[in-house]
Structure formats: C-alpha cells, structure tokens
Amino acid sequence: MPRASKIGIIAALRREIRELVARPEVQRLPVMGRSLPVYVLGDVSITCAGTGRQAAARATEEMIEQFRPELIVSVGFAGAVDPGLCIGGVIVPDTVIEADSGRRFSTMRGEGVLVSTNGIATCEEKTELREKYQALAVDMEASAVAERAGAYAVQFMAIKSISDSAATTLPDFSRFVRKNGEFATLRFLLYTMLHPTLWPELRKLAANTELAAKNLTSALRNSVLDGSHLPAVNSKQAINSR
C-alpha cells in the first residue's frame, strides 16, 4: 500500500499539470484504479482523473482511500464567468456550487464562487451563472471533488486557472480525452486535418491553455507545494483583475 500523503491533487488533464509532474524528483506510481497514474512529490500525490464529474468523483475516492490525505485540491482549467478575469488568471474560490442541484461546498480558504456544470458552458450560460451566483468562473469537476472530500471528512480546496474568457464558447473535445487524463493527440490531429475551419480557433486555444497551465503550475509551486496552502498569483492576471 502506498505511503500516506498530506495533500492529494486532482486534475482532469495531464496538460494542466504537465510541467509540475515533469520534474525529475517526481515519482510515477501506477497504483490507482482504472489505470490512473499517480505522481508523488514529497508529501503531495497528484493524479489526472479525466473530464467530468463521475471521473473526478472516482479519482477523489481512490486518492483518499489509498493515500489518506489531509487535504484534497481540485486543480485545472476553468472558464471565466466574470468578464474582468484575464486568460491565465488564477482563482482560489471559497465556495463551489454544483449548478444542477444548487449544492454549495465551502473550501478551506479562498475568495469568490466557482460553479461546476455538467458540460462546457457557452458564453450565454456563463452570463446566466454570473447573474445567478455572482460567480467568477466555471469548471466541470470541482463540485464532485468537493462532495467526495466531504464524504470522507477531508478538507478541500480548489485552484483554477482561466483558459477561456467570459465571451468565449469552447468547442467540446472531451471525446479526445482518455480515461487516464491523457489527450489522444494523434486522433485529434487526424480530426483537425479534416476540419481546417477550426485551425485559427485551435491556435488561440493552444496559446491560452499554455498560459493557463504555466500560471497554474506556478501557483501550485508557490502555495500548495511549499506547505502554505495559499494562492500565489500574478497581480496583473489575478482574481478580480480588470
């Protein structure tokens, strides 16, 4: 059985935490269910769940049962709901809301509201979430991670990096995400070759997610990994930036 970790990090995609787990001191342990890899860095264990609530819930349960962390952190990309948030801005909400049920989950610390939906939110849906919940951002997994952490009486946080603006509707590429959080690059490239009208949008999306991943990694290094559990953000791209 793996040794206990103080912190368990749940991402959806490996791309979101690629720089973090590429560090030479990181150990890769193929120990979790459904062939999910776990990356261990000191007292921190990291896994990629794949996209969606069910995948996030299962990965959270497996992380808690195998590593017994004191804190579970949901990390990854999120879409801006607040029009003032910049691409690459990092938010650490104090409340996560499940859009379908209206359930609210409190985090260990933070500021503002993150809403979790069942699918990718359109720009019109983002406007509705802003009006209904005064939300900052939207994702697909945080509420499921929060619910499972609460069921095991484990503290919870969310750290999200903005990958798309409030005025953007992202294409749904979830079918290219494998169950272990890896992106099916070859299959995706074949698909895009047949859809050249997507190329400009994909170039912009690639640049945005690259910045979001870089800033997320920086925030995790300067907060969770140093033991402070506090957000570290660029003041020009941070929460409530205008």
Protein backbone atom coordinates (compact mmCIF):
# COMPACT_ATOMS: atom_id res chain seq x y z
CA MET A 1 0.00 0.00 0.00
CA PRO A 2 1.36 3.49 -0.87
CA ARG A 3 2.50 5.68 1.99
CA ALA A 4 0.16 8.42 3.13
CA SER A 5 0.33 11.89 1.58
CA LYS A 6 -0.58 15.14 3.27
CA ILE A 7 -2.10 16.59 0.08
CA GLY A 8 -3.94 14.95 -2.82
CA ILE A 9 -4.27 16.92 -6.05
CA ILE A 10 -6.97 16.01 -8.58
CA ALA A 11 -6.60 17.38 -12.12
CA ALA A 12 -8.68 16.46 -15.16
CA LEU A 13 -5.99 16.59 -17.85
CA ARG A 14 -2.29 15.85 -17.72
CA ARG A 15 -1.77 19.00 -19.78
CA GLU A 16 -2.96 21.05 -16.81
CA ILE A 17 -0.15 19.84 -14.54
CA ARG A 18 2.38 18.65 -17.15
CA GLU A 19 5.20 20.95 -16.02
CA LEU A 20 4.65 20.03 -12.39
CA VAL A 21 4.83 16.26 -12.88
CA ALA A 22 7.75 16.52 -15.32
CA ARG A 23 10.13 17.49 -12.52
CA PRO A 24 12.94 14.92 -12.11
CA GLU A 25 12.18 14.33 -8.43
CA VAL A 26 8.60 13.26 -9.18
CA GLN A 27 7.84 9.54 -8.83
CA ARG A 28 5.19 7.91 -11.01
CA LEU A 29 3.19 5.16 -9.31
CA PRO A 30 0.64 3.18 -11.37
CA VAL A 31 -1.39 2.32 -8.29
CA MET A 32 -4.85 3.83 -8.64
CA GLY A 33 -7.94 2.22 -10.14
CA ARG A 34 -8.76 2.35 -13.85
CA SER A 35 -5.02 2.62 -14.63
CA LEU A 36 -4.82 6.18 -13.36
CA PRO A 37 -1.20 7.15 -12.77
CA VAL A 38 -0.22 8.89 -9.56
CA TYR A 39 2.67 11.33 -9.40
CA VAL A 40 4.30 11.70 -5.98
CA LEU A 41 6.31 14.74 -4.99
CA GLY A 42 7.27 14.64 -1.32
CA ASP A 43 4.06 14.72 0.72
CA VAL A 44 1.94 15.54 -2.33
CA SER A 45 0.21 12.99 -4.57
CA ILE A 46 -1.21 14.08 -7.94
CA THR A 47 -3.50 12.28 -10.37
CA CYS A 48 -5.36 13.05 -13.60
CA ALA A 49 -8.97 11.91 -13.46
CA GLY A 50 -10.18 12.64 -16.96
CA THR A 51 -13.02 15.07 -17.63
CA GLY A 52 -16.42 15.24 -15.95
CA ARG A 53 -17.93 14.75 -12.53
CA GLN A 54 -18.04 10.97 -12.45
CA ALA A 55 -14.36 10.65 -13.34
CA ALA A 56 -13.43 13.30 -10.76
CA ALA A 57 -15.51 11.64 -8.04
CA ARG A 58 -13.95 8.21 -8.65
CA ALA A 59 -10.42 9.60 -8.70
CA THR A 60 -11.04 11.51 -5.47
CA GLU A 61 -12.32 8.39 -3.70
CA GLU A 62 -9.33 6.37 -4.88
CA MET A 63 -6.89 9.10 -3.85
CA ILE A 64 -8.39 9.31 -0.36
CA GLU A 65 -8.63 5.57 0.18
CA GLN A 66 -5.09 4.84 -1.00
CA PHE A 67 -3.16 7.90 0.22
CA ARG A 68 -5.28 9.21 3.14
CA PRO A 69 -4.50 12.91 2.53
CA GLU A 70 -5.37 15.66 4.96
CA LEU A 71 -6.31 18.00 2.11
CA ILE A 72 -7.78 17.39 -1.37
CA VAL A 73 -7.22 20.08 -4.01
CA SER A 74 -9.18 20.28 -7.27
CA VAL A 75 -6.95 21.93 -9.87
CA GLY A 76 -7.13 22.66 -13.58
CA PHE A 77 -8.55 24.95 -16.22
CA ALA A 78 -11.74 26.98 -15.82
CA GLY A 79 -13.73 29.34 -17.96
CA ALA A 80 -14.12 32.95 -16.87
CA VAL A 81 -17.63 33.99 -15.87
CA ASP A 82 -16.55 37.37 -14.54
CA PRO A 83 -15.73 39.42 -17.69
CA GLY A 84 -12.86 41.05 -15.82
CA LEU A 85 -10.83 37.86 -15.42
CA CYS A 86 -7.88 37.50 -17.79
CA ILE A 87 -6.59 34.40 -19.55
CA GLY A 88 -4.07 32.82 -17.18
CA GLY A 89 -5.59 34.39 -14.09
CA VAL A 90 -5.65 32.05 -11.09
CA ILE A 91 -8.63 31.87 -8.77
CA VAL A 92 -8.96 30.19 -5.37
CA PRO A 93 -12.69 30.21 -4.52
CA ASP A 94 -14.17 30.00 -1.04
CA THR A 95 -17.37 28.43 -2.42
CA VAL A 96 -18.02 25.80 -5.10
CA ILE A 97 -21.58 25.40 -6.39
CA GLU A 98 -22.97 22.45 -8.32
CA ALA A 99 -25.09 24.12 -10.99
CA ASP A 100 -27.68 21.35 -11.44
CA SER A 101 -28.56 20.89 -7.79
CA GLY A 102 -27.55 24.22 -6.33
CA ARG A 103 -25.48 22.44 -3.64
CA ARG A 104 -22.79 24.60 -2.10
CA PHE A 105 -19.42 23.43 -0.82
CA SER A 106 -17.09 25.54 1.29
CA THR A 107 -13.36 25.39 0.69
CA MET A 108 -10.60 25.58 3.28
CA ARG A 109 -9.79 29.12 2.17
CA GLY A 110 -10.22 31.44 -0.77
CA GLU A 111 -12.46 34.14 -2.21
CA GLY A 112 -15.37 34.11 -4.62
CA VAL A 113 -17.57 31.48 -6.28
CA LEU A 114 -16.71 28.70 -8.73
CA VAL A 115 -19.64 26.91 -10.41
CA SER A 116 -19.39 23.34 -11.72
CA THR A 117 -21.57 22.32 -14.68
CA ASN A 118 -22.14 19.02 -16.45
CA GLY A 119 -20.70 20.23 -19.75
CA ILE A 120 -18.77 23.06 -21.31
CA ALA A 121 -20.60 26.31 -20.63
CA THR A 122 -21.49 28.55 -23.56
CA CYS A 123 -20.96 32.29 -23.32
CA GLU A 124 -24.73 32.69 -22.77
CA GLU A 125 -24.64 30.16 -19.93
CA LYS A 126 -21.67 31.97 -18.40
CA THR A 127 -23.72 35.17 -18.33
CA GLU A 128 -26.54 33.33 -16.56
CA LEU A 129 -24.15 31.86 -13.98
CA ARG A 130 -22.73 35.32 -13.31
CA GLU A 131 -26.19 36.74 -12.74
CA LYS A 132 -27.49 33.82 -10.65
CA TYR A 133 -24.46 33.10 -8.46
CA GLN A 134 -22.17 36.13 -8.87
CA ALA A 135 -19.66 33.51 -9.96
CA LEU A 136 -16.09 34.17 -11.01
CA ALA A 137 -15.55 31.07 -13.12
CA VAL A 138 -16.98 27.74 -14.27
CA ASP A 139 -15.50 24.24 -14.47
CA MET A 140 -16.80 20.67 -14.69
CA GLU A 141 -15.16 18.78 -11.82
CA ALA A 142 -14.69 20.79 -8.62
CA SER A 143 -18.11 20.12 -7.09
CA ALA A 144 -17.67 16.36 -7.47
CA VAL A 145 -14.24 16.51 -5.84
CA ALA A 146 -15.66 18.66 -3.03
CA GLU A 147 -18.57 16.28 -2.44
CA ARG A 148 -16.33 13.21 -2.17
CA ALA A 149 -13.84 15.00 0.06
CA GLY A 150 -16.68 16.00 2.36
CA ALA A 151 -17.99 12.44 2.47
CA TYR A 152 -14.61 11.34 3.82
CA ALA A 153 -14.28 14.36 6.14
CA VAL A 154 -11.20 15.59 4.27
CA GLN A 155 -10.50 19.31 3.85
CA PHE A 156 -10.99 20.71 0.36
CA MET A 157 -9.59 23.50 -1.81
CA ALA A 158 -9.86 24.46 -5.47
CA ILE A 159 -7.21 26.24 -7.53
CA LYS A 160 -8.21 27.03 -11.12
CA SER A 161 -6.51 28.85 -13.99
CA ILE A 162 -8.56 30.71 -16.58
CA SER A 163 -8.26 29.23 -20.08
CA ASP A 164 -11.16 30.98 -21.84
CA SER A 165 -12.86 34.34 -21.48
CA ALA A 166 -16.44 35.02 -20.41
CA ALA A 167 -17.31 35.83 -24.03
CA THR A 168 -15.95 32.52 -25.38
CA THR A 169 -17.71 29.24 -26.07
CA LEU A 170 -15.13 26.46 -26.27
CA PRO A 171 -15.51 23.53 -28.67
CA ASP A 172 -16.16 20.22 -26.90
CA PHE A 173 -13.12 18.00 -27.38
CA SER A 174 -13.86 15.71 -24.42
CA ARG A 175 -14.10 12.69 -26.73
CA PHE A 176 -10.36 13.00 -27.30
CA VAL A 177 -9.54 12.71 -23.58
CA ARG A 178 -8.64 9.19 -22.44
CA LYS A 179 -9.81 7.83 -19.09
CA ASN A 180 -6.35 8.43 -17.59
CA GLY A 181 -6.46 12.14 -18.44
CA GLU A 182 -4.12 11.85 -21.41
CA PHE A 183 -5.10 13.60 -24.63
CA ALA A 184 -5.46 11.39 -27.74
CA THR A 185 -3.22 13.63 -29.82
CA LEU A 186 -2.97 11.52 -32.97
CA ARG A 187 -6.72 11.01 -33.21
CA PHE A 188 -7.26 14.71 -32.57
CA LEU A 189 -4.76 15.71 -35.28
CA LEU A 190 -6.49 13.48 -37.78
CA TYR A 191 -9.79 15.10 -36.88
CA THR A 192 -8.45 18.64 -37.23
CA MET A 193 -6.88 17.85 -40.60
CA LEU A 194 -10.39 17.24 -41.88
CA HIS A 195 -11.75 20.45 -40.31
CA PRO A 196 -9.45 23.32 -41.39
CA THR A 197 -12.00 25.94 -40.32
CA LEU A 198 -11.07 25.05 -36.72
CA TRP A 199 -7.38 25.87 -37.16
CA PRO A 200 -7.42 29.59 -36.14
CA GLU A 201 -9.54 28.83 -33.08
CA LEU A 202 -7.28 25.92 -32.12
CA ARG A 203 -4.13 28.05 -32.35
CA LYS A 204 -5.70 30.58 -29.98
CA LEU A 205 -6.90 27.84 -27.64
CA ALA A 206 -3.43 26.26 -27.56
CA ALA A 207 -1.83 29.58 -26.60
CA ASN A 208 -4.45 30.24 -23.92
CA THR A 209 -4.16 26.81 -22.31
CA GLU A 210 -0.36 27.01 -22.40
CA LEU A 211 -0.50 30.24 -20.38
CA ALA A 212 -3.18 28.85 -18.06
CA ALA A 213 -1.10 25.73 -17.39
CA LYS A 214 2.05 27.74 -16.76
CA ASN A 215 0.35 30.02 -14.24
CA LEU A 216 -1.44 27.12 -12.55
CA THR A 217 1.88 25.32 -12.08
CA SER A 218 3.42 28.48 -10.66
CA ALA A 219 0.52 28.92 -8.24
CA LEU A 220 0.77 25.32 -7.06
CA ARG A 221 4.53 25.55 -6.56
CA ASN A 222 4.24 28.76 -4.56
CA SER A 223 1.30 27.67 -2.43
CA VAL A 224 0.42 24.00 -2.03
CA LEU A 225 3.88 22.59 -2.65
CA ASP A 226 5.61 24.91 -0.19
CA GLY A 227 3.14 23.97 2.52
CA SER A 228 1.42 27.32 2.85
CA HIS A 229 -1.83 26.26 1.12
CA LEU A 230 -2.21 29.86 -0.02
CA PRO A 231 -2.76 31.12 -3.59
CA ALA A 232 0.14 32.69 -5.42
CA VAL A 233 -0.96 34.70 -8.44
CA ASN A 234 0.28 37.30 -10.86
CA SER A 235 -1.23 40.59 -9.74
CA LYS A 236 -1.95 41.58 -13.35
CA GLN A 237 -3.87 38.38 -14.03
CA ALA A 238 -5.23 37.55 -10.61
CA ILE A 239 -8.68 37.31 -9.13
CA ASN A 240 -10.75 40.44 -9.73
CA SER A 241 -8.16 41.86 -12.15
CA ARG A 242 -9.62 44.42 -14.54
